[in-house]
Amino acid sequence: NSLRKTANIFYIKYPNKAKLSPMTIKNLVNKFTKSGNIADDYHSGHPLSATNHTKQEATINALQENPQQSTNQLAMKLNVSSSSI
C-alpha cells in the first residue's frame, strides 16, 4: 500500500515527529489535490472568548456605556462568545 509506505518514509525521515497514519496521508493528499496546499483553512466560526484583560476591559466599558444591552448584543459587539460575558 503506497499510503503505508509514505507514512513509513515520513517516520524514517522525521523520527521525532508524530507518526502519521495512512489515513492522514490520504487526507493530506486529497486536501492538496483539492486546494493546492495543505494549510489549515481559516475558520471564522466560533467567536473568541472574553478571557484576556483587554477584552474584559472592553466588556466593562461597553456595559457602563449601555447597561441595558443583552449579553448576546454585547457579545456580537465585542466579537466574543455570549457565554464569556
PDB file of N, CA and C in Angstrom:
ATOM      1  N   ASN A   1       0.850  -1.173   0.000  1.00  0.00           N
ATOM      2  CA  ASN A   1       0.000   0.000   0.000  1.00  0.00           C
ATOM      3  C   ASN A   1       0.896   1.237   0.000  1.00  0.00           C
ATOM      4  N   SER A   2       0.695   2.118  -0.973  1.00  0.00           N
ATOM      5  CA  SER A   2       1.574   3.282  -1.100  1.00  0.00           C
ATOM      6  C   SER A   2       1.369   4.287   0.034  1.00  0.00           C
ATOM      7  N   LEU A   3       0.167   4.352   0.590  1.00  0.00           N
ATOM      8  CA  LEU A   3      -0.064   5.259   1.713  1.00  0.00           C
ATOM      9  C   LEU A   3       0.735   4.814   2.934  1.00  0.00           C
ATOM     10  N   ARG A   4       0.744   3.529   3.167  1.00  0.00           N
ATOM     11  CA  ARG A   4       1.506   2.983   4.294  1.00  0.00           C
ATOM     12  C   ARG A   4       3.007   3.201   4.080  1.00  0.00           C
ATOM     13  N   LYS A   5       3.468   3.009   2.839  1.00  0.00           N
ATOM     14  CA  LYS A   5       4.880   3.238   2.536  1.00  0.00           C
ATOM     15  C   LYS A   5       5.243   4.704   2.749  1.00  0.00           C
ATOM     16  N   THR A   6       4.366   5.590   2.317  1.00  0.00           N
ATOM     17  CA  THR A   6       4.606   7.024   2.502  1.00  0.00           C
ATOM     18  C   THR A   6       4.678   7.370   3.981  1.00  0.00           C
ATOM     19  N   ALA A   7       3.767   6.824   4.773  1.00  0.00           N
ATOM     20  CA  ALA A   7       3.778   7.065   6.220  1.00  0.00           C
ATOM     21  C   ALA A   7       5.076   6.552   6.840  1.00  0.00           C
ATOM     22  N   ASN A   8       5.541   5.389   6.411  1.00  0.00           N
ATOM     23  CA  ASN A   8       6.792   4.825   6.936  1.00  0.00           C
ATOM     24  C   ASN A   8       7.999   5.669   6.532  1.00  0.00           C
ATOM     25  N   ILE A   9       8.009   6.154   5.287  1.00  0.00           N
ATOM     26  CA  ILE A   9       9.106   7.012   4.825  1.00  0.00           C
ATOM     27  C   ILE A   9       9.146   8.296   5.654  1.00  0.00           C
ATOM     28  N   PHE A  10       7.975   8.871   5.907  1.00  0.00           N
ATOM     29  CA  PHE A  10       7.904  10.082   6.724  1.00  0.00           C
ATOM     30  C   PHE A  10       8.469   9.806   8.113  1.00  0.00           C
ATOM     31  N   TYR A  11       8.082   8.675   8.696  1.00  0.00           N
ATOM     32  CA  TYR A  11       8.540   8.326  10.044  1.00  0.00           C
ATOM     33  C   TYR A  11      10.057   8.130  10.082  1.00  0.00           C
ATOM     34  N   ILE A  12      10.603   7.498   9.042  1.00  0.00           N
ATOM     35  CA  ILE A  12      12.056   7.276   8.984  1.00  0.00           C
ATOM     36  C   ILE A  12      12.794   8.606   8.825  1.00  0.00           C
ATOM     37  N   LYS A  13      12.252   9.479   7.977  1.00  0.00           N
ATOM     38  CA  LYS A  13      12.902  10.764   7.716  1.00  0.00           C
ATOM     39  C   LYS A  13      12.752  11.729   8.893  1.00  0.00           C
ATOM     40  N   TYR A  14      11.617  11.662   9.580  1.00  0.00           N
ATOM     41  CA  TYR A  14      11.331  12.566  10.699  1.00  0.00           C
ATOM     42  C   TYR A  14      10.951  11.755  11.947  1.00  0.00           C
ATOM     43  N   PRO A  15      11.912  11.066  12.552  1.00  0.00           N
ATOM     44  CA  PRO A  15      11.586  10.186  13.688  1.00  0.00           C
ATOM     45  C   PRO A  15      11.102  10.931  14.934  1.00  0.00           C
ATOM     46  N   ASN A  16      11.418  12.209  15.055  1.00  0.00           N
ATOM     47  CA  ASN A  16      10.990  12.974  16.230  1.00  0.00           C
ATOM     48  C   ASN A  16       9.598  13.571  16.074  1.00  0.00           C
ATOM     49  N   LYS A  17       9.017  13.441  14.908  1.00  0.00           N
ATOM     50  CA  LYS A  17       7.662  13.946  14.666  1.00  0.00           C
ATOM     51  C   LYS A  17       6.652  12.845  14.976  1.00  0.00           C
ATOM     52  N   ALA A  18       5.416  13.254  15.192  1.00  0.00           N
ATOM     53  CA  ALA A  18       4.352  12.271  15.431  1.00  0.00           C
ATOM     54  C   ALA A  18       4.192  11.398  14.190  1.00  0.00           C
ATOM     55  N   LYS A  19       3.976  10.125  14.410  1.00  0.00           N
ATOM     56  CA  LYS A  19       3.819   9.195  13.297  1.00  0.00           C
ATOM     57  C   LYS A  19       2.477   9.437  12.613  1.00  0.00           C
ATOM     58  N   LEU A  20       2.505   9.574  11.290  1.00  0.00           N
ATOM     59  CA  LEU A  20       1.287   9.806  10.522  1.00  0.00           C
ATOM     60  C   LEU A  20       0.667   8.481  10.111  1.00  0.00           C
ATOM     61  N   SER A  21      -0.634   8.404  10.206  1.00  0.00           N
ATOM     62  CA  SER A  21      -1.335   7.202   9.763  1.00  0.00           C
ATOM     63  C   SER A  21      -1.541   7.280   8.253  1.00  0.00           C
ATOM     64  N   PRO A  22      -1.749   6.138   7.605  1.00  0.00           N
ATOM     65  CA  PRO A  22      -2.063   6.161   6.175  1.00  0.00           C
ATOM     66  C   PRO A  22      -3.300   7.016   5.867  1.00  0.00           C
ATOM     67  N   MET A  23      -4.280   7.041   6.767  1.00  0.00           N
ATOM     68  CA  MET A  23      -5.479   7.857   6.551  1.00  0.00           C
ATOM     69  C   MET A  23      -5.130   9.343   6.569  1.00  0.00           C
ATOM     70  N   THR A  24      -4.218   9.736   7.454  1.00  0.00           N
ATOM     71  CA  THR A  24      -3.780  11.132   7.491  1.00  0.00           C
ATOM     72  C   THR A  24      -3.076  11.496   6.194  1.00  0.00           C
ATOM     73  N   ILE A  25      -2.224  10.608   5.701  1.00  0.00           N
ATOM     74  CA  ILE A  25      -1.547  10.832   4.419  1.00  0.00           C
ATOM     75  C   ILE A  25      -2.588  10.994   3.315  1.00  0.00           C
ATOM     76  N   LYS A  26      -3.580  10.127   3.301  1.00  0.00           N
ATOM     77  CA  LYS A  26      -4.633  10.196   2.281  1.00  0.00           C
ATOM     78  C   LYS A  26      -5.368  11.532   2.358  1.00  0.00           C
ATOM     79  N   ASN A  27      -5.713  11.961   3.571  1.00  0.00           N
ATOM     80  CA  ASN A  27      -6.418  13.234   3.739  1.00  0.00           C
ATOM     81  C   ASN A  27      -5.567  14.410   3.272  1.00  0.00           C
ATOM     82  N   LEU A  28      -4.268  14.376   3.565  1.00  0.00           N
ATOM     83  CA  LEU A  28      -3.377  15.444   3.123  1.00  0.00           C
ATOM     84  C   LEU A  28      -3.250  15.474   1.602  1.00  0.00           C
ATOM     85  N   VAL A  29      -3.148  14.310   0.983  1.00  0.00           N
ATOM     86  CA  VAL A  29      -3.080  14.242  -0.481  1.00  0.00           C
ATOM     87  C   VAL A  29      -4.367  14.787  -1.090  1.00  0.00           C
ATOM     88  N   ASN A  30      -5.510  14.385  -0.546  1.00  0.00           N
ATOM     89  CA  ASN A  30      -6.790  14.889  -1.051  1.00  0.00           C
ATOM     90  C   ASN A  30      -6.901  16.402  -0.880  1.00  0.00           C
ATOM     91  N   LYS A  31      -6.465  16.894   0.253  1.00  0.00           N
ATOM     92  CA  LYS A  31      -6.510  18.333   0.520  1.00  0.00           C
ATOM     93  C   LYS A  31      -5.618  19.081  -0.467  1.00  0.00           C
ATOM     94  N   PHE A  32      -4.415  18.550  -0.709  1.00  0.00           N
ATOM     95  CA  PHE A  32      -3.501  19.187  -1.652  1.00  0.00           C
ATOM     96  C   PHE A  32      -4.063  19.152  -3.069  1.00  0.00           C
ATOM     97  N   THR A  33      -4.649  18.034  -3.448  1.00  0.00           N
ATOM     98  CA  THR A  33      -5.234  17.914  -4.780  1.00  0.00           C
ATOM     99  C   THR A  33      -6.371  18.911  -4.967  1.00  0.00           C
ATOM    100  N   LYS A  34      -7.160  19.085  -3.926  1.00  0.00           N
ATOM    101  CA  LYS A  34      -8.324  19.972  -3.997  1.00  0.00           C
ATOM    102  C   LYS A  34      -7.942  21.451  -3.963  1.00  0.00           C
ATOM    103  N   SER A  35      -7.007  21.820  -3.074  1.00  0.00           N
ATOM    104  CA  SER A  35      -6.740  23.243  -2.849  1.00  0.00           C
ATOM    105  C   SER A  35      -5.354  23.711  -3.286  1.00  0.00           C
ATOM    106  N   GLY A  36      -4.448  22.791  -3.564  1.00  0.00           N
ATOM    107  CA  GLY A  36      -3.102  23.186  -3.954  1.00  0.00           C
ATOM    108  C   GLY A  36      -2.156  23.400  -2.784  1.00  0.00           C
ATOM    109  N   ASN A  37      -2.651  23.221  -1.553  1.00  0.00           N
ATOM    110  CA  ASN A  37      -1.790  23.308  -0.373  1.00  0.00           C
ATOM    111  C   ASN A  37      -2.400  22.474   0.746  1.00  0.00           C
ATOM    112  N   ILE A  38      -1.647  22.344   1.830  1.00  0.00           N
ATOM    113  CA  ILE A  38      -2.153  21.558   2.961  1.00  0.00           C
ATOM    114  C   ILE A  38      -2.354  22.418   4.199  1.00  0.00           C
ATOM    115  N   ALA A  39      -2.307  23.739   4.015  1.00  0.00           N
ATOM    116  CA  ALA A  39      -2.516  24.644   5.147  1.00  0.00           C
ATOM    117  C   ALA A  39      -3.941  24.510   5.657  1.00  0.00           C
ATOM    118  N   ASP A  40      -4.108  24.719   6.958  1.00  0.00           N
ATOM    119  CA  ASP A  40      -5.441  24.680   7.540  1.00  0.00           C
ATOM    120  C   ASP A  40      -6.274  25.832   7.002  1.00  0.00           C
ATOM    121  N   ASP A  41      -7.549  25.584   6.814  1.00  0.00           N
ATOM    122  CA  ASP A  41      -8.466  26.617   6.366  1.00  0.00           C
ATOM    123  C   ASP A  41      -8.710  27.600   7.492  1.00  0.00           C
ATOM    124  N   TYR A  42      -9.008  28.841   7.100  1.00  0.00           N
ATOM    125  CA  TYR A  42      -9.382  29.854   8.080  1.00  0.00           C
ATOM    126  C   TYR A  42     -10.784  29.546   8.567  1.00  0.00           C
ATOM    127  N   HIS A  43     -10.978  29.535   9.866  1.00  0.00           N
ATOM    128  CA  HIS A  43     -12.295  29.279  10.438  1.00  0.00           C
ATOM    129  C   HIS A  43     -12.756  30.523  11.181  1.00  0.00           C
ATOM    130  N   SER A  44     -13.812  31.123  10.675  1.00  0.00           N
ATOM    131  CA  SER A  44     -14.326  32.317  11.341  1.00  0.00           C
ATOM    132  C   SER A  44     -15.420  31.969  12.333  1.00  0.00           C
ATOM    133  N   GLY A  45     -15.791  30.733  12.392  1.00  0.00           N
ATOM    134  CA  GLY A  45     -16.906  30.236  13.178  1.00  0.00           C
ATOM    135  C   GLY A  45     -17.047  30.726  14.597  1.00  0.00           C
ATOM    136  N   HIS A  46     -16.497  30.023  15.546  1.00  0.00           N
ATOM    137  CA  HIS A  46     -16.724  30.292  16.960  1.00  0.00           C
ATOM    138  C   HIS A  46     -16.036  31.588  17.363  1.00  0.00           C
ATOM    139  N   PRO A  47     -16.780  32.541  17.930  1.00  0.00           N
ATOM    140  CA  PRO A  47     -16.150  33.794  18.348  1.00  0.00           C
ATOM    141  C   PRO A  47     -15.206  33.586  19.525  1.00  0.00           C
ATOM    142  N   LEU A  48     -14.281  34.501  19.667  1.00  0.00           N
ATOM    143  CA  LEU A  48     -13.323  34.436  20.762  1.00  0.00           C
ATOM    144  C   LEU A  48     -14.009  34.669  22.097  1.00  0.00           C
ATOM    145  N   SER A  49     -13.416  34.180  23.158  1.00  0.00           N
ATOM    146  CA  SER A  49     -13.984  34.416  24.486  1.00  0.00           C
ATOM    147  C   SER A  49     -13.372  35.682  25.079  1.00  0.00           C
ATOM    148  N   ALA A  50     -14.050  36.233  26.055  1.00  0.00           N
ATOM    149  CA  ALA A  50     -13.572  37.468  26.691  1.00  0.00           C
ATOM    150  C   ALA A  50     -12.739  37.140  27.914  1.00  0.00           C
ATOM    151  N   THR A  51     -11.694  36.369  27.732  1.00  0.00           N
ATOM    152  CA  THR A  51     -10.909  35.941  28.882  1.00  0.00           C
ATOM    153  C   THR A  51      -9.625  36.731  29.063  1.00  0.00           C
ATOM    154  N   ASN A  52      -9.188  37.468  28.046  1.00  0.00           N
ATOM    155  CA  ASN A  52      -7.973  38.237  28.284  1.00  0.00           C
ATOM    156  C   ASN A  52      -8.312  39.611  28.847  1.00  0.00           C
ATOM    157  N   HIS A  53      -7.336  40.256  29.418  1.00  0.00           N
ATOM    158  CA  HIS A  53      -7.543  41.509  30.148  1.00  0.00           C
ATOM    159  C   HIS A  53      -8.142  42.601  29.262  1.00  0.00           C
ATOM    160  N   THR A  54      -7.664  42.735  28.043  1.00  0.00           N
ATOM    161  CA  THR A  54      -8.161  43.767  27.132  1.00  0.00           C
ATOM    162  C   THR A  54      -9.639  43.573  26.839  1.00  0.00           C
ATOM    163  N   LYS A  55     -10.033  42.337  26.578  1.00  0.00           N
ATOM    164  CA  LYS A  55     -11.442  42.065  26.286  1.00  0.00           C
ATOM    165  C   LYS A  55     -12.309  42.253  27.527  1.00  0.00           C
ATOM    166  N   GLN A  56     -11.768  41.947  28.681  1.00  0.00           N
ATOM    167  CA  GLN A  56     -12.523  42.175  29.915  1.00  0.00           C
ATOM    168  C   GLN A  56     -12.776  43.664  30.124  1.00  0.00           C
ATOM    169  N   GLU A  57     -11.761  44.479  29.867  1.00  0.00           N
ATOM    170  CA  GLU A  57     -11.929  45.927  29.995  1.00  0.00           C
ATOM    171  C   GLU A  57     -12.948  46.452  28.990  1.00  0.00           C
ATOM    172  N   ALA A  58     -12.883  45.955  27.759  1.00  0.00           N
ATOM    173  CA  ALA A  58     -13.828  46.378  26.726  1.00  0.00           C
ATOM    174  C   ALA A  58     -15.250  45.994  27.117  1.00  0.00           C
ATOM    175  N   THR A  59     -15.414  44.825  27.720  1.00  0.00           N
ATOM    176  CA  THR A  59     -16.736  44.377  28.168  1.00  0.00           C
ATOM    177  C   THR A  59     -17.272  45.298  29.261  1.00  0.00           C
ATOM    178  N   ILE A  60     -16.442  45.620  30.223  1.00  0.00           N
ATOM    179  CA  ILE A  60     -16.861  46.511  31.316  1.00  0.00           C
ATOM    180  C   ILE A  60     -17.223  47.890  30.774  1.00  0.00           C
ATOM    181  N   ASN A  61     -16.389  48.420  29.884  1.00  0.00           N
ATOM    182  CA  ASN A  61     -16.663  49.738  29.304  1.00  0.00           C
ATOM    183  C   ASN A  61     -17.968  49.749  28.521  1.00  0.00           C
ATOM    184  N   ALA A  62     -18.196  48.707  27.732  1.00  0.00           N
ATOM    185  CA  ALA A  62     -19.423  48.634  26.936  1.00  0.00           C
ATOM    186  C   ALA A  62     -20.647  48.541  27.839  1.00  0.00           C
ATOM    187  N   LEU A  63     -20.544  47.808  28.932  1.00  0.00           N
ATOM    188  CA  LEU A  63     -21.666  47.709  29.873  1.00  0.00           C
ATOM    189  C   LEU A  63     -21.924  49.030  30.592  1.00  0.00           C
ATOM    190  N   GLN A  64     -20.866  49.756  30.894  1.00  0.00           N
ATOM    191  CA  GLN A  64     -21.039  51.054  31.540  1.00  0.00           C
ATOM    192  C   GLN A  64     -21.703  52.052  30.593  1.00  0.00           C
ATOM    193  N   GLU A  65     -21.363  51.959  29.297  1.00  0.00           N
ATOM    194  CA  GLU A  65     -21.971  52.846  28.304  1.00  0.00           C
ATOM    195  C   GLU A  65     -23.446  52.535  28.110  1.00  0.00           C
ATOM    196  N   ASN A  66     -23.793  51.259  28.110  1.00  0.00           N
ATOM    197  CA  ASN A  66     -25.176  50.853  27.871  1.00  0.00           C
ATOM    198  C   ASN A  66     -25.490  49.615  28.705  1.00  0.00           C
ATOM    199  N   PRO A  67     -25.895  49.797  29.956  1.00  0.00           N
ATOM    200  CA  PRO A  67     -26.164  48.650  30.830  1.00  0.00           C
ATOM    201  C   PRO A  67     -27.425  47.876  30.449  1.00  0.00           C
ATOM    202  N   GLN A  68     -28.226  48.395  29.538  1.00  0.00           N
ATOM    203  CA  GLN A  68     -29.476  47.743  29.145  1.00  0.00           C
ATOM    204  C   GLN A  68     -29.294  46.709  28.035  1.00  0.00           C
ATOM    205  N   GLN A  69     -28.126  46.665  27.411  1.00  0.00           N
ATOM    206  CA  GLN A  69     -27.951  45.729  26.298  1.00  0.00           C
ATOM    207  C   GLN A  69     -27.872  44.286  26.797  1.00  0.00           C
ATOM    208  N   SER A  70     -28.345  43.388  25.963  1.00  0.00           N
ATOM    209  CA  SER A  70     -28.342  41.966  26.328  1.00  0.00           C
ATOM    210  C   SER A  70     -26.932  41.390  26.190  1.00  0.00           C
ATOM    211  N   THR A  71     -26.731  40.232  26.781  1.00  0.00           N
ATOM    212  CA  THR A  71     -25.422  39.583  26.653  1.00  0.00           C
ATOM    213  C   THR A  71     -25.141  39.211  25.202  1.00  0.00           C
ATOM    214  N   ASN A  72     -26.186  38.823  24.462  1.00  0.00           N
ATOM    215  CA  ASN A  72     -25.991  38.499  23.048  1.00  0.00           C
ATOM    216  C   ASN A  72     -25.578  39.728  22.252  1.00  0.00           C
ATOM    217  N   GLN A  73     -26.218  40.869  22.509  1.00  0.00           N
ATOM    218  CA  GLN A  73     -25.851  42.100  21.814  1.00  0.00           C
ATOM    219  C   GLN A  73     -24.412  42.491  22.149  1.00  0.00           C
ATOM    220  N   LEU A  74     -24.075  42.394  23.406  1.00  0.00           N
ATOM    221  CA  LEU A  74     -22.730  42.742  23.847  1.00  0.00           C
ATOM    222  C   LEU A  74     -21.690  41.804  23.228  1.00  0.00           C
ATOM    223  N   ALA A  75     -22.000  40.527  23.199  1.00  0.00           N
ATOM    224  CA  ALA A  75     -21.079  39.548  22.613  1.00  0.00           C
ATOM    225  C   ALA A  75     -20.849  39.833  21.137  1.00  0.00           C
ATOM    226  N   MET A  76     -21.919  40.142  20.414  1.00  0.00           N
ATOM    227  CA  MET A  76     -21.780  40.456  18.990  1.00  0.00           C
ATOM    228  C   MET A  76     -20.944  41.720  18.800  1.00  0.00           C
ATOM    229  N   LYS A  77     -21.188  42.720  19.615  1.00  0.00           N
ATOM    230  CA  LYS A  77     -20.461  43.987  19.523  1.00  0.00           C
ATOM    231  C   LYS A  77     -18.961  43.786  19.758  1.00  0.00           C
ATOM    232  N   LEU A  78     -18.623  42.935  20.708  1.00  0.00           N
ATOM    233  CA  LEU A  78     -17.226  42.724  21.088  1.00  0.00           C
ATOM    234  C   LEU A  78     -16.574  41.534  20.378  1.00  0.00           C
ATOM    235  N   ASN A  79     -17.355  40.806  19.578  1.00  0.00           N
ATOM    236  CA  ASN A  79     -16.872  39.620  18.864  1.00  0.00           C
ATOM    237  C   ASN A  79     -16.315  38.567  19.825  1.00  0.00           C
ATOM    238  N   VAL A  80     -17.119  38.267  20.838  1.00  0.00           N
ATOM    239  CA  VAL A  80     -16.786  37.204  21.788  1.00  0.00           C
ATOM    240  C   VAL A  80     -18.014  36.320  21.960  1.00  0.00           C
ATOM    241  N   SER A  81     -17.846  35.186  22.587  1.00  0.00           N
ATOM    242  CA  SER A  81     -18.989  34.310  22.826  1.00  0.00           C
ATOM    243  C   SER A  81     -19.852  34.888  23.941  1.00  0.00           C
ATOM    244  N   SER A  82     -21.156  34.685  23.842  1.00  0.00           N
ATOM    245  CA  SER A  82     -22.060  35.223  24.864  1.00  0.00           C
ATOM    246  C   SER A  82     -21.838  34.550  26.218  1.00  0.00           C
ATOM    247  N   SER A  83     -21.338  33.332  26.222  1.00  0.00           N
ATOM    248  CA  SER A  83     -21.086  32.642  27.491  1.00  0.00           C
ATOM    249  C   SER A  83     -19.898  33.238  28.244  1.00  0.00           C
ATOM    250  N   SER A  84     -19.082  34.026  27.568  1.00  0.00           N
ATOM    251  CA  SER A  84     -17.933  34.628  28.245  1.00  0.00           C
ATOM    252  C   SER A  84     -18.246  36.004  28.820  1.00  0.00           C
ATOM    253  N   ILE A  85     -19.453  36.504  28.576  1.00  0.00           N
ATOM    254  CA  ILE A  85     -19.854  37.818  29.094  1.00  0.00           C
ATOM    255  C   ILE A  85     -20.255  37.675  30.550  1.00  0.00           C
TER     256      ILE A  85
END
